């Protein structure tokens, strides 16, 4: 499974990452991913868009919903289109 998007950040040294939430969602039809922002390199305060991607294998059936969590708060719930 691949999930890709962009996120707006306020410092050039911030790098976004999506990682599986721990603990995982109790609902098997939902995949929870944590958004982590890692600081790398020299600081430069400026708004910019950064690529964001998650790649991983999903056991059994693919999820119907992907939930993005940042600092313990759900910031997005994305519906996964049905496979053709």
C-alpha atoms as a PDB file:
ATOM      1  CA  UNK A   1       0.000   0.000   0.000  1.00  0.00           C
ATOM      2  CA  UNK A   2       1.232   3.484  -0.841  1.00  0.00           C
ATOM      3  CA  UNK A   3      -0.115   6.731   0.584  1.00  0.00           C
ATOM      4  CA  UNK A   4       1.346   9.982  -0.728  1.00  0.00           C
ATOM      5  CA  UNK A   5       0.549  13.645  -0.234  1.00  0.00           C
ATOM      6  CA  UNK A   6       2.122  16.958   0.719  1.00  0.00           C
ATOM      7  CA  UNK A   7       2.094  18.870   3.982  1.00  0.00           C
ATOM      8  CA  UNK A   8       2.772  22.542   4.657  1.00  0.00           C
ATOM      9  CA  UNK A   9       5.525  23.157   7.221  1.00  0.00           C
ATOM     10  CA  UNK A  10       6.960  26.338   8.728  1.00  0.00           C
ATOM     11  CA  UNK A  11      10.697  25.578   8.771  1.00  0.00           C
ATOM     12  CA  UNK A  12      12.953  24.316   5.963  1.00  0.00           C
ATOM     13  CA  UNK A  13      14.653  21.879   8.360  1.00  0.00           C
ATOM     14  CA  UNK A  14      11.425  19.977   9.125  1.00  0.00           C
ATOM     15  CA  UNK A  15      10.964  16.606   7.398  1.00  0.00           C
ATOM     16  CA  UNK A  16       7.572  14.828   7.650  1.00  0.00           C
ATOM     17  CA  UNK A  17       7.232  11.061   8.074  1.00  0.00           C
ATOM     18  CA  UNK A  18       4.249   8.688   8.286  1.00  0.00           C
ATOM     19  CA  UNK A  19       4.707   5.631  10.505  1.00  0.00           C
ATOM     20  CA  UNK A  20       2.240   2.993  11.739  1.00  0.00           C
ATOM     21  CA  UNK A  21       0.617   4.013  15.021  1.00  0.00           C
ATOM     22  CA  UNK A  22       1.520   2.073  18.138  1.00  0.00           C
ATOM     23  CA  UNK A  23      -0.737   0.625  19.303  1.00  0.00           C
ATOM     24  CA  UNK A  24      -2.406  -0.120  16.003  1.00  0.00           C
ATOM     25  CA  UNK A  25      -6.084   0.542  15.419  1.00  0.00           C
ATOM     26  CA  UNK A  26      -8.420  -1.991  17.043  1.00  0.00           C
ATOM     27  CA  UNK A  27     -10.667  -1.749  13.971  1.00  0.00           C
ATOM     28  CA  UNK A  28      -9.279  -4.041  11.217  1.00  0.00           C
ATOM     29  CA  UNK A  29     -10.909  -1.892   8.509  1.00  0.00           C
ATOM     30  CA  UNK A  30      -8.927   1.174   9.692  1.00  0.00           C
ATOM     31  CA  UNK A  31      -5.199   1.897   9.371  1.00  0.00           C
ATOM     32  CA  UNK A  32      -3.818   4.466  11.831  1.00  0.00           C
ATOM     33  CA  UNK A  33      -0.630   6.329  10.869  1.00  0.00           C
ATOM     34  CA  UNK A  34       1.286   8.779  13.040  1.00  0.00           C
ATOM     35  CA  UNK A  35       2.632  11.940  11.449  1.00  0.00           C
ATOM     36  CA  UNK A  36       6.092  12.694  12.794  1.00  0.00           C
ATOM     37  CA  UNK A  37       8.059  15.834  11.953  1.00  0.00           C
ATOM     38  CA  UNK A  38      11.819  15.316  12.219  1.00  0.00           C
ATOM     39  CA  UNK A  39      14.213  18.273  12.451  1.00  0.00           C
ATOM     40  CA  UNK A  40      17.288  17.923  10.214  1.00  0.00           C
ATOM     41  CA  UNK A  41      19.865  20.570   9.319  1.00  0.00           C
ATOM     42  CA  UNK A  42      20.003  24.314   9.819  1.00  0.00           C
ATOM     43  CA  UNK A  43      16.857  26.245  10.673  1.00  0.00           C
ATOM     44  CA  UNK A  44      15.250  28.612   8.145  1.00  0.00           C
ATOM     45  CA  UNK A  45      11.805  29.908   9.079  1.00  0.00           C
ATOM     46  CA  UNK A  46       9.780  29.814   5.894  1.00  0.00           C
ATOM     47  CA  UNK A  47       6.500  28.161   4.927  1.00  0.00           C
ATOM     48  CA  UNK A  48       6.950  25.376   2.377  1.00  0.00           C
ATOM     49  CA  UNK A  49       5.311  22.216   1.077  1.00  0.00           C
ATOM     50  CA  UNK A  50       7.051  18.886   1.715  1.00  0.00           C
ATOM     51  CA  UNK A  51       6.340  15.468   0.209  1.00  0.00           C
ATOM     52  CA  UNK A  52       4.842  12.908   2.560  1.00  0.00           C
ATOM     53  CA  UNK A  53       4.699   9.176   1.844  1.00  0.00           C
ATOM     54  CA  UNK A  54       3.974   5.846   3.526  1.00  0.00           C
ATOM     55  CA  UNK A  55       4.736   2.489   1.952  1.00  0.00           C
ATOM     56  CA  UNK A  56       3.943  -0.725   3.698  1.00  0.00           C
ATOM     57  CA  UNK A  57       2.380  -4.120   3.430  1.00  0.00           C
ATOM     58  CA  UNK A  58      -1.083  -4.528   4.833  1.00  0.00           C
ATOM     59  CA  UNK A  59      -2.005  -7.904   6.318  1.00  0.00           C
ATOM     60  CA  UNK A  60      -5.145  -9.565   4.964  1.00  0.00           C
ATOM     61  CA  UNK A  61      -7.663  -7.127   3.460  1.00  0.00           C
ATOM     62  CA  UNK A  62      -6.718  -3.498   2.715  1.00  0.00           C
ATOM     63  CA  UNK A  63      -8.161  -0.875   5.070  1.00  0.00           C
ATOM     64  CA  UNK A  64     -11.294   1.097   4.228  1.00  0.00           C
ATOM     65  CA  UNK A  65     -10.112   4.178   6.126  1.00  0.00           C
ATOM     66  CA  UNK A  66      -6.652   5.605   6.805  1.00  0.00           C
ATOM     67  CA  UNK A  67      -6.478   7.811   9.892  1.00  0.00           C
ATOM     68  CA  UNK A  68      -3.629  10.311  10.233  1.00  0.00           C
ATOM     69  CA  UNK A  69      -2.682  11.112  13.842  1.00  0.00           C
ATOM     70  CA  UNK A  70      -0.505  14.046  14.929  1.00  0.00           C
ATOM     71  CA  UNK A  71       0.415  14.545  18.572  1.00  0.00           C
ATOM     72  CA  UNK A  72      -2.376  12.173  19.636  1.00  0.00           C
ATOM     73  CA  UNK A  73      -5.093  13.948  17.624  1.00  0.00           C
ATOM     74  CA  UNK A  74      -6.688  12.654  14.424  1.00  0.00           C
ATOM     75  CA  UNK A  75      -6.097  15.309  11.772  1.00  0.00           C
ATOM     76  CA  UNK A  76      -7.424  13.421   8.746  1.00  0.00           C
ATOM     77  CA  UNK A  77      -9.548  10.390   7.903  1.00  0.00           C
ATOM     78  CA  UNK A  78      -9.111   9.276   4.296  1.00  0.00           C
ATOM     79  CA  UNK A  79     -11.467   6.835   2.605  1.00  0.00           C
ATOM     80  CA  UNK A  80      -9.639   4.198   0.573  1.00  0.00           C
ATOM     81  CA  UNK A  81     -11.262   3.538  -2.812  1.00  0.00           C
ATOM     82  CA  UNK A  82     -12.420  -0.055  -3.376  1.00  0.00           C
ATOM     83  CA  UNK A  83     -10.112  -2.234  -5.482  1.00  0.00           C
ATOM     84  CA  UNK A  84     -11.180  -2.919  -9.021  1.00  0.00           C
END
